[in-house]
Protein backbone atom coordinates (compact mmCIF):
# COMPACT_ATOMS: atom_id res chain seq x y z
CA UNK A 1 11.22 4.96 -13.03
CA UNK A 2 13.69 2.77 -13.69
CA UNK A 3 14.19 0.23 -16.90
CA UNK A 4 12.50 -2.56 -14.91
CA UNK A 5 9.74 -0.81 -13.81
CA UNK A 6 8.98 0.31 -17.62
CA UNK A 7 9.18 -3.48 -18.88
CA UNK A 8 6.57 -4.52 -16.29
CA UNK A 9 4.13 -1.87 -17.13
CA UNK A 10 4.65 -2.65 -20.68
CA UNK A 11 3.83 -6.36 -19.67
CA UNK A 12 0.65 -5.52 -17.70
CA UNK A 13 -0.38 -3.44 -20.88
CA UNK A 14 0.52 -6.29 -23.47
CA UNK A 15 -1.96 -8.42 -21.03
CA UNK A 16 -4.67 -5.77 -21.29
CA UNK A 17 -4.30 -4.48 -17.91
CA UNK A 18 -3.88 -0.50 -17.31
CA UNK A 19 -1.16 0.79 -15.25
CA UNK A 20 -3.23 2.56 -12.42
CA UNK A 21 -1.66 5.32 -10.19
CA UNK A 22 -1.76 2.58 -7.64
CA UNK A 23 -0.25 0.28 -9.55
CA UNK A 24 2.36 2.67 -10.51
CA UNK A 25 3.41 3.11 -7.12
CA UNK A 26 3.45 -0.46 -6.68
CA UNK A 27 5.39 -1.36 -9.44
CA UNK A 28 8.53 1.44 -8.63
CA UNK A 29 8.67 0.48 -4.99
CA UNK A 30 9.30 -3.13 -5.75
CA UNK A 31 10.92 -3.18 -9.37
CA UNK A 32 14.48 -3.08 -8.32
CA UNK A 33 14.84 -4.98 -5.33
CA UNK A 34 17.33 -7.99 -4.67
CA UNK A 35 15.80 -9.27 -2.12
CA UNK A 36 12.91 -11.28 -0.85
CA UNK A 37 10.24 -9.22 0.63
CA UNK A 38 6.67 -9.81 2.40
CA UNK A 39 3.61 -8.34 0.94
CA UNK A 40 3.51 -6.16 4.37
CA UNK A 41 7.07 -5.04 3.05
CA UNK A 42 5.53 -3.51 -0.02
CA UNK A 43 2.82 -2.08 1.93
CA UNK A 44 4.82 -0.45 4.02
CA UNK A 45 6.89 1.07 1.03
CA UNK A 46 3.65 1.95 -1.13
CA UNK A 47 2.46 3.82 1.94
CA UNK A 48 5.56 5.93 2.64
CA UNK A 49 4.95 6.89 -0.78
CA UNK A 50 1.47 7.56 -1.11
CA UNK A 51 -0.85 6.49 1.88
CA UNK A 52 -3.67 6.84 -0.16
CA UNK A 53 -2.92 3.81 -1.57
CA UNK A 54 -4.64 0.87 0.30
CA UNK A 55 -3.23 -2.66 1.19
CA UNK A 56 -6.59 -4.06 -1.32
CA UNK A 57 -4.72 -2.56 -4.27
CA UNK A 58 -0.91 -3.97 -2.99
CA UNK A 59 -2.23 -7.46 -2.51
CA UNK A 60 -4.18 -7.34 -5.78
CA UNK A 61 -1.36 -5.52 -8.02
CA UNK A 62 1.17 -8.68 -5.96
CA UNK A 63 -1.09 -11.27 -7.54
CA UNK A 64 -1.69 -10.00 -10.78
CA UNK A 65 2.38 -9.34 -10.62
CA UNK A 66 2.65 -13.27 -10.02
CA UNK A 67 0.49 -14.57 -12.19
CA UNK A 68 1.99 -12.56 -14.94
CA UNK A 69 5.67 -14.10 -14.04
CA UNK A 70 7.08 -11.00 -12.82
CA UNK A 71 6.95 -12.30 -9.10
CA UNK A 72 8.18 -15.70 -7.73
CA UNK A 73 7.23 -16.75 -4.69
CA UNK A 74 10.06 -17.77 -2.54
CA UNK A 75 8.72 -20.17 0.03
CA UNK A 76 10.87 -19.55 3.22
CA UNK A 77 12.50 -21.89 5.75
CA UNK A 78 9.76 -20.64 8.57
CA UNK A 79 7.33 -21.64 5.68
CA UNK A 80 6.05 -18.72 4.81
CA UNK A 81 5.88 -16.98 1.25
CA UNK A 82 7.58 -14.34 0.07
CA UNK A 83 8.23 -12.53 -3.07
CA UNK A 84 11.36 -11.99 -5.78
CA UNK A 85 11.21 -10.21 -8.58
CA UNK A 86 12.06 -11.95 -11.50
CA UNK A 87 12.91 -11.09 -15.12
CA UNK A 88 11.42 -13.41 -18.04
CA UNK A 89 11.95 -17.57 -18.32
CA UNK A 90 12.13 -20.19 -15.94
CA UNK A 91 14.92 -20.38 -13.51
CA UNK A 92 15.51 -20.99 -9.42
CA UNK A 93 17.05 -19.20 -7.10
CA UNK A 94 19.71 -19.27 -3.98
CA UNK A 95 18.31 -16.88 -1.11
CA UNK A 96 20.42 -15.91 1.65
CA UNK A 97 18.96 -16.44 4.85
CA UNK A 98 20.93 -13.85 6.05
CA UNK A 99 20.42 -10.89 4.04
CA UNK A 100 17.72 -11.57 1.82
CA UNK A 101 19.41 -11.37 -1.33
CA UNK A 102 18.03 -14.00 -4.16
CA UNK A 103 20.26 -15.34 -6.78
CA UNK A 104 18.56 -16.34 -9.77
CA UNK A 105 20.41 -19.12 -11.42
CA UNK A 106 19.97 -22.41 -13.65
CA UNK A 107 20.36 -25.98 -13.66
CA UNK A 108 20.19 -27.80 -17.27
CA UNK A 109 20.14 -30.69 -16.18
CA UNK A 110 17.26 -30.84 -13.62
CA UNK A 111 14.87 -30.39 -15.66
CA UNK A 112 15.34 -33.61 -17.46
CA UNK A 113 15.72 -35.39 -14.08
CA UNK A 114 12.19 -34.08 -13.02
CA UNK A 115 10.83 -35.09 -16.46
CA UNK A 116 12.30 -38.55 -15.85
CA UNK A 117 10.93 -38.86 -12.26
CA UNK A 118 7.64 -37.71 -13.32
CA UNK A 119 7.50 -40.07 -16.17
CA UNK A 120 8.56 -42.95 -14.01
CA UNK A 121 6.15 -42.34 -11.19
CA UNK A 122 3.39 -41.65 -13.88
CA UNK A 123 2.68 -38.06 -12.61
CA UNK A 124 2.28 -35.16 -14.74
CA UNK A 125 4.45 -32.10 -13.46
CA UNK A 126 2.52 -28.81 -13.80
CA UNK A 127 5.26 -26.96 -12.87
CA UNK A 128 7.97 -26.82 -10.19
CA UNK A 129 10.74 -24.56 -8.16
CA UNK A 130 13.90 -25.05 -6.61
CA UNK A 131 14.72 -23.02 -3.67
CA UNK A 132 18.06 -23.26 -2.08
CA UNK A 133 18.78 -21.29 1.09
CA UNK A 134 22.41 -20.41 2.81
CA UNK A 135 24.36 -17.49 3.12
CA UNK A 136 25.82 -15.44 0.27
CA UNK A 137 29.53 -14.52 -0.26
CA UNK A 138 29.09 -10.99 1.03
CA UNK A 139 27.24 -12.79 4.65
CA UNK A 140 29.89 -15.45 4.61
CA UNK A 141 32.83 -13.12 4.47
CA UNK A 142 31.11 -11.02 7.22
CA UNK A 143 30.43 -13.63 9.42
CA UNK A 144 34.00 -15.48 9.06
CA UNK A 145 36.15 -14.77 12.13
CA UNK A 146 39.19 -12.32 11.16
CA UNK A 147 42.56 -14.14 10.92
CA UNK A 148 44.83 -12.05 12.39
CA UNK A 149 48.09 -10.95 10.14
CA UNK A 150 51.60 -11.13 11.49
CA UNK A 151 51.71 -7.63 11.58
CA UNK A 152 48.80 -7.77 14.35
């Protein structure tokens, strides 16, 4: 069990939820993922470890982990949502459209901009998310054409 799995399990216990064997497998399957994933991805990962765990357990666990802030929903460019594992605290995401890697980041000035826009519009914001889509450094390097050197 990874350190992140242990933290997630402790968080569940702190909020009065038991870590059942099914939840344990789901947590272990997704805890150290650094790329976005779908609920069906988790079902497939869990099925390889323990086929007796049903889809309903996976979906209920994903919902619970989302409610507790362990998972964030990432809304893809295709309109479908996926998940990413998050550490505590508010942050935003850079999402690589090639490999699916998710990089959390903080924008200190945007929070004030959002607050000012809401005040100006007489709007009460309950939450927000910022997701920027593009290519991570590795995927950019993989896609750039190789330039011949003098020795080629």
